[in-house]
Protein backbone atom coordinates (compact mmCIF):
# COMPACT_ATOMS: atom_id res chain seq x y z
CA MET A 1 -53.24 -1.88 -62.49
CA ASP A 2 -54.43 -3.59 -59.22
CA TYR A 3 -51.44 -2.25 -57.17
CA HIS A 4 -51.99 1.22 -58.83
CA GLN A 5 -55.42 1.01 -57.53
CA LEU A 6 -54.67 -0.35 -54.28
CA ALA A 7 -52.56 2.59 -53.75
CA GLN A 8 -55.24 5.21 -54.26
CA TYR A 9 -57.65 3.13 -51.97
CA HIS A 10 -55.26 3.09 -49.19
CA LEU A 11 -54.60 6.93 -49.63
CA ARG A 12 -58.29 7.75 -49.40
CA LEU A 13 -58.33 5.48 -46.30
CA ALA A 14 -55.59 7.35 -44.90
CA THR A 15 -57.23 10.81 -45.32
CA ILE A 16 -60.20 9.26 -43.66
CA MET A 17 -58.14 8.15 -40.64
CA ARG A 18 -56.32 11.43 -40.46
CA ASN A 19 -59.82 13.06 -40.18
CA HIS A 20 -60.60 10.86 -37.10
CA ASN A 21 -57.33 11.53 -35.58
CA GLN A 22 -55.97 8.15 -36.08
CA PHE A 23 -52.54 9.55 -37.05
CA LYS A 24 -50.83 6.21 -36.57
CA VAL A 25 -53.17 4.51 -38.82
CA CYS A 26 -52.92 7.09 -41.38
CA LEU A 27 -49.12 6.69 -41.20
CA ILE A 28 -49.27 3.00 -41.88
CA LEU A 29 -51.85 3.61 -44.45
CA CYS A 30 -49.61 6.19 -46.41
CA ASP A 31 -46.78 3.51 -46.23
CA TRP A 32 -48.98 0.80 -47.71
CA ALA A 33 -49.99 3.07 -50.62
CA LEU A 34 -46.36 3.85 -51.28
CA ALA A 35 -45.44 0.08 -51.29
CA SER A 36 -48.39 -0.61 -53.37
CA MET A 37 -47.29 2.16 -56.00
CA ILE A 38 -43.87 0.66 -55.96
CA LYS A 39 -45.13 -2.64 -56.63
CA ALA A 40 -47.25 -1.34 -59.70
CA LEU A 41 -43.94 0.30 -60.94
CA TYR A 42 -42.06 -3.01 -60.62
CA ILE A 43 -44.77 -4.95 -62.52
CA HIS A 44 -44.87 -2.21 -65.12
CA LYS A 45 -40.92 -1.80 -65.64
CA TYR A 46 -40.22 -5.53 -65.35
CA HIS A 47 -43.43 -6.94 -66.84
CA SER A 48 -43.56 -9.25 -63.74
CA VAL A 49 -46.80 -10.88 -62.69
CA HIS A 50 -45.82 -11.28 -59.26
CA PRO A 51 -43.53 -8.75 -57.39
CA PRO A 52 -41.37 -9.33 -54.28
CA LYS A 53 -43.33 -9.08 -51.28
CA GLU A 54 -40.93 -6.16 -50.08
CA LEU A 55 -38.46 -4.24 -52.00
CA THR A 56 -35.20 -3.18 -50.88
CA MET A 57 -33.83 0.55 -51.37
CA ASN A 58 -31.50 -0.96 -54.04
CA GLU A 59 -34.59 -2.08 -55.89
CA ILE A 60 -36.93 0.83 -55.14
CA LEU A 61 -34.23 3.76 -56.28
CA PRO A 62 -34.27 2.43 -60.13
CA LEU A 63 -37.86 2.21 -60.04
CA VAL A 64 -38.44 5.94 -59.00
CA HIS A 65 -35.29 7.15 -60.70
CA THR A 66 -35.40 8.50 -64.24
CA ASP A 67 -33.19 10.39 -66.73
CA THR A 68 -35.09 13.65 -65.89
CA GLU A 69 -36.11 13.12 -62.41
CA PRO A 70 -33.58 11.87 -59.79
CA GLY A 71 -35.70 9.68 -57.42
CA LEU A 72 -33.27 9.81 -54.40
CA ASP A 73 -35.74 12.10 -52.47
CA ILE A 74 -38.87 9.77 -52.95
CA ALA A 75 -36.71 6.84 -52.32
CA LEU A 76 -35.50 8.41 -49.04
CA PHE A 77 -39.24 9.48 -48.11
CA ILE A 78 -40.37 5.93 -48.84
CA GLY A 79 -38.00 4.70 -46.52
CA THR A 80 -38.80 6.98 -43.80
CA MET A 81 -42.25 6.30 -43.84
CA GLN A 82 -41.66 2.55 -43.76
CA HIS A 83 -39.52 3.23 -40.58
CA MET A 84 -41.86 5.54 -39.22
CA SER A 85 -45.00 3.35 -39.73
CA SER A 86 -43.10 0.20 -38.59
CA LEU A 87 -42.38 1.53 -34.99
CA ALA A 88 -44.70 -0.38 -32.85
CA ASP A 89 -45.26 1.95 -30.22
CA TYR A 90 -44.94 5.73 -30.98
CA PRO A 91 -43.64 7.23 -27.72
CA HIS A 92 -47.08 8.54 -26.10
CA ASP A 93 -45.30 11.37 -24.52
CA GLN A 94 -44.41 12.54 -28.04
CA PRO A 95 -47.78 12.44 -29.79
CA ILE A 96 -47.89 12.88 -33.71
CA GLU A 97 -49.24 16.50 -34.52
CA LEU A 98 -51.80 17.11 -36.98
CA ASP A 99 -49.52 19.44 -38.98
CA ASN A 100 -46.73 16.69 -39.35
CA ILE A 101 -49.58 14.27 -40.35
CA GLU A 102 -50.85 16.74 -42.96
CA LYS A 103 -47.35 17.27 -44.42
CA LEU A 104 -46.51 13.65 -44.60
CA LEU A 105 -50.17 12.97 -46.22
CA GLN A 106 -49.54 15.54 -48.58
CA ARG A 107 -46.22 14.50 -49.81
CA THR A 108 -47.48 10.90 -50.02
CA GLU A 109 -50.27 12.09 -52.40
CA GLU A 110 -47.87 14.10 -54.50
CA ILE A 111 -45.46 11.09 -54.76
CA LEU A 112 -48.18 8.62 -55.62
CA TYR A 113 -49.27 11.26 -58.29
CA GLU A 114 -45.89 11.82 -59.94
CA LEU A 115 -45.53 7.80 -60.10
CA SER A 116 -48.99 7.38 -61.31
CA LYS A 117 -48.40 9.78 -64.31
CA ARG A 118 -45.01 7.72 -65.19
CA ILE A 119 -46.99 4.40 -65.40
CA MET A 120 -49.77 5.96 -67.54
CA ASN A 121 -47.60 7.96 -69.77
CA ASN A 122 -45.61 4.72 -70.47
CA SER A 123 -48.80 2.50 -70.73
CA SER A 124 -50.18 4.92 -73.63
CA GLU A 125 -46.76 4.65 -75.53
């Protein structure tokens, strides 16, 4: 549950950073939120105390994929956020636009909500 809660904290901080026009920091926090939620899923699924520091796409896809919800779009979004947040220097001549940050933040929030529901539903069973 610690990683689950950490994901929510990162998302709240990402919103604050977006409000302060700190778009690169917002992207990084969204990536951290997604990574924390994936670790929460890993712990939940494998009953592990210590998840790996970083998970590969081969490990992420089975975590987000279910029989009723194909997880490829979620895994691709997570990979995209990892890539975008890892860019050391975003080109200054191509600033990140608020509208794009809004979309990325909203999609991150939707994914966190969906994955959170899975953890909560499975915990109550």
